C-alpha atoms as a PDB file:
ATOM      1  CA  MET A   1      -8.145 -14.525  10.568  1.00  0.00           C
ATOM      2  CA  ASP A   2     -11.734 -13.955  12.414  1.00  0.00           C
ATOM      3  CA  ALA A   3     -14.360 -16.002  10.498  1.00  0.00           C
ATOM      4  CA  GLN A   4     -16.126 -12.706  10.284  1.00  0.00           C
ATOM      5  CA  ARG A   5     -13.144 -10.849   8.702  1.00  0.00           C
ATOM      6  CA  SER A   6     -12.156 -11.182   4.924  1.00  0.00           C
ATOM      7  CA  ALA A   7      -8.474 -11.984   3.864  1.00  0.00           C
ATOM      8  CA  ALA A   8      -8.461  -8.639   2.471  1.00  0.00           C
ATOM      9  CA  GLU A   9      -9.185  -6.646   5.832  1.00  0.00           C
ATOM     10  CA  ASP A  10      -6.414  -8.786   7.567  1.00  0.00           C
ATOM     11  CA  PHE A  11      -4.072  -7.765   4.904  1.00  0.00           C
ATOM     12  CA  VAL A  12      -4.926  -3.978   4.529  1.00  0.00           C
ATOM     13  CA  GLU A  13      -4.861  -3.902   8.476  1.00  0.00           C
ATOM     14  CA  GLY A  14      -1.418  -5.332   8.448  1.00  0.00           C
ATOM     15  CA  ILE A  15       0.315  -3.544   5.957  1.00  0.00           C
ATOM     16  CA  LEU A  16      -1.170  -0.307   7.677  1.00  0.00           C
ATOM     17  CA  ALA A  17       0.042  -1.357  10.905  1.00  0.00           C
ATOM     18  CA  GLU A  18       3.388  -2.194   9.435  1.00  0.00           C
ATOM     19  CA  VAL A  19       3.669   1.396   7.503  1.00  0.00           C
ATOM     20  CA  LYS A  20       2.858   2.999  10.851  1.00  0.00           C
ATOM     21  CA  ARG A  21       5.393   1.062  12.594  1.00  0.00           C
ATOM     22  CA  PHE A  22       8.016   1.763   9.832  1.00  0.00           C
ATOM     23  CA  GLY A  23       7.230   5.371  10.044  1.00  0.00           C
ATOM     24  CA  ARG A  24       7.334   5.875  13.613  1.00  0.00           C
ATOM     25  CA  ALA A  25      11.093   3.881  13.701  1.00  0.00           C
ATOM     26  CA  LYS A  26      12.311   6.120  11.087  1.00  0.00           C
ATOM     27  CA  HIS A  27      10.687   9.292  12.433  1.00  0.00           C
ATOM     28  CA  ILE A  28       8.934   9.936   9.259  1.00  0.00           C
ATOM     29  CA  ALA A  29       5.472  10.638   9.022  1.00  0.00           C
ATOM     30  CA  HIS A  30       4.756   9.249   5.047  1.00  0.00           C
ATOM     31  CA  PRO A  31       6.869   6.498   4.121  1.00  0.00           C
ATOM     32  CA  VAL A  32       7.281   5.793   0.425  1.00  0.00           C
ATOM     33  CA  VAL A  33       5.507   2.318  -0.241  1.00  0.00           C
ATOM     34  CA  GLU A  34       5.964   0.624  -3.442  1.00  0.00           C
ATOM     35  CA  LEU A  35       3.854  -2.355  -4.499  1.00  0.00           C
ATOM     36  CA  GLU A  36       4.775  -5.016  -7.006  1.00  0.00           C
ATOM     37  CA  LEU A  37       2.727  -7.582  -8.605  1.00  0.00           C
ATOM     38  CA  ARG A  38       3.350 -10.826 -10.288  1.00  0.00           C
ATOM     39  CA  ASP A  39       4.026  -9.501 -13.596  1.00  0.00           C
ATOM     40  CA  ALA A  40       6.707  -7.220 -12.103  1.00  0.00           C
ATOM     41  CA  THR A  41       4.829  -4.141 -12.563  1.00  0.00           C
ATOM     42  CA  ARG A  42       5.538  -1.836  -9.664  1.00  0.00           C
ATOM     43  CA  TYR A  43       3.610   1.008  -8.129  1.00  0.00           C
ATOM     44  CA  ARG A  44       4.245   3.808  -5.889  1.00  0.00           C
ATOM     45  CA  VAL A  45       1.179   3.647  -3.416  1.00  0.00           C
ATOM     46  CA  ASP A  46      -1.005   6.533  -1.643  1.00  0.00           C
ATOM     47  CA  SER A  47      -3.136   4.138   0.164  1.00  0.00           C
ATOM     48  CA  LEU A  48      -4.296   0.882   0.520  1.00  0.00           C
ATOM     49  CA  THR A  49      -8.303  -0.203   1.071  1.00  0.00           C
ATOM     50  CA  VAL A  50     -10.390  -3.139   1.239  1.00  0.00           C
ATOM     51  CA  GLY A  51     -12.439  -4.505  -1.657  1.00  0.00           C
ATOM     52  CA  PRO A  52     -14.363  -4.754  -3.526  1.00  0.00           C
ATOM     53  CA  GLY A  53     -15.034  -8.431  -2.305  1.00  0.00           C
ATOM     54  CA  ALA A  54     -13.105 -10.375   0.383  1.00  0.00           C
ATOM     55  CA  ASP A  55     -10.330 -11.111  -1.716  1.00  0.00           C
ATOM     56  CA  PHE A  56      -9.459  -7.809  -3.579  1.00  0.00           C
ATOM     57  CA  VAL A  57      -7.754  -4.521  -2.499  1.00  0.00           C
ATOM     58  CA  THR A  58      -7.738  -1.445  -3.935  1.00  0.00           C
ATOM     59  CA  VAL A  59      -4.705   0.473  -4.559  1.00  0.00           C
ATOM     60  CA  ALA A  60      -4.490   4.279  -4.978  1.00  0.00           C
ATOM     61  CA  VAL A  61      -1.332   4.626  -7.206  1.00  0.00           C
ATOM     62  CA  HIS A  62       0.542   7.980  -6.822  1.00  0.00           C
ATOM     63  CA  PRO A  63      -0.880  10.283  -9.786  1.00  0.00           C
ATOM     64  CA  GLU A  64       2.515  11.845 -10.335  1.00  0.00           C
ATOM     65  CA  HIS A  65       4.453   8.691 -11.169  1.00  0.00           C
ATOM     66  CA  GLU A  66       2.012   6.180 -12.359  1.00  0.00           C
ATOM     67  CA  MET A  67      -1.172   5.713 -14.748  1.00  0.00           C
ATOM     68  CA  PRO A  68      -3.628   4.274 -13.983  1.00  0.00           C
ATOM     69  CA  THR A  69      -4.118   6.458 -10.522  1.00  0.00           C
ATOM     70  CA  GLU A  70      -6.075   3.459  -9.085  1.00  0.00           C
ATOM     71  CA  ILE A  71      -6.190  -0.590  -9.495  1.00  0.00           C
ATOM     72  CA  ILE A  72      -8.074  -3.359  -7.969  1.00  0.00           C
ATOM     73  CA  VAL A  73      -6.114  -6.443  -7.570  1.00  0.00           C
ATOM     74  CA  PRO A  74      -6.730  -9.735  -5.843  1.00  0.00           C
ATOM     75  CA  LEU A  75      -4.641 -10.652  -2.973  1.00  0.00           C
ATOM     76  CA  GLY A  76      -2.659 -13.398  -4.756  1.00  0.00           C
ATOM     77  CA  VAL A  77      -1.041 -11.135  -7.437  1.00  0.00           C
ATOM     78  CA  ILE A  78       0.775  -9.068  -4.894  1.00  0.00           C
ATOM     79  CA  VAL A  79       4.458 -10.348  -4.511  1.00  0.00           C
ATOM     80  CA  ARG A  80       6.075  -7.653  -3.037  1.00  0.00           C
ATOM     81  CA  ILE A  81       5.658  -4.421  -0.731  1.00  0.00           C
ATOM     82  CA  GLU A  82       8.714  -2.231  -0.190  1.00  0.00           C
ATOM     83  CA  LEU A  83       8.747   0.858   2.674  1.00  0.00           C
ATOM     84  CA  PHE A  84      11.385   3.554   1.944  1.00  0.00           C
ATOM     85  CA  GLU A  85      11.884   7.024   3.685  1.00  0.00           C
ATOM     86  CA  ARG A  86      10.832   9.633   1.586  1.00  0.00           C
ATOM     87  CA  ASP A  87      13.336  10.240  -1.070  1.00  0.00           C
ATOM     88  CA  GLU A  88      12.192  13.560  -2.105  1.00  0.00           C
ATOM     89  CA  PRO A  89      10.709  15.425   0.811  1.00  0.00           C
ATOM     90  CA  GLU A  90       9.906  18.536  -1.095  1.00  0.00           C
ATOM     91  CA  ARG A  91       7.786  16.734  -3.496  1.00  0.00           C
ATOM     92  CA  GLY A  92       5.591  16.066  -0.591  1.00  0.00           C
ATOM     93  CA  PHE A  93       4.260  12.515  -1.121  1.00  0.00           C
ATOM     94  CA  GLY A  94       4.183   9.201   0.694  1.00  0.00           C
ATOM     95  CA  PHE A  95       1.601   6.965   2.161  1.00  0.00           C
ATOM     96  CA  SER A  96      -0.612   7.778   4.866  1.00  0.00           C
ATOM     97  CA  ALA A  97      -1.293   5.179   7.113  1.00  0.00           C
ATOM     98  CA  GLY A  98      -3.825   7.101   8.838  1.00  0.00           C
END
């Protein structure tokens, strides 16, 4: 990790790169991304951004499936991230890695 970069920046950058790689490998523009927290709560993710702060990420949760629509969590509570091909293409949702 670069001394000027936070753990959250490295984490988000790495996840975005992995989602892009997965999408290219599966020939899909918007893979489905699910995040699991330490308490076993699972969310379908629309986007992931850095902050607030160096050790937190903001997760935009897909509004059709979950409440709340955005959560802010410390990196240490994220235990698993799963990538899927879009399971319901007609609904038009999935993670956009940019």
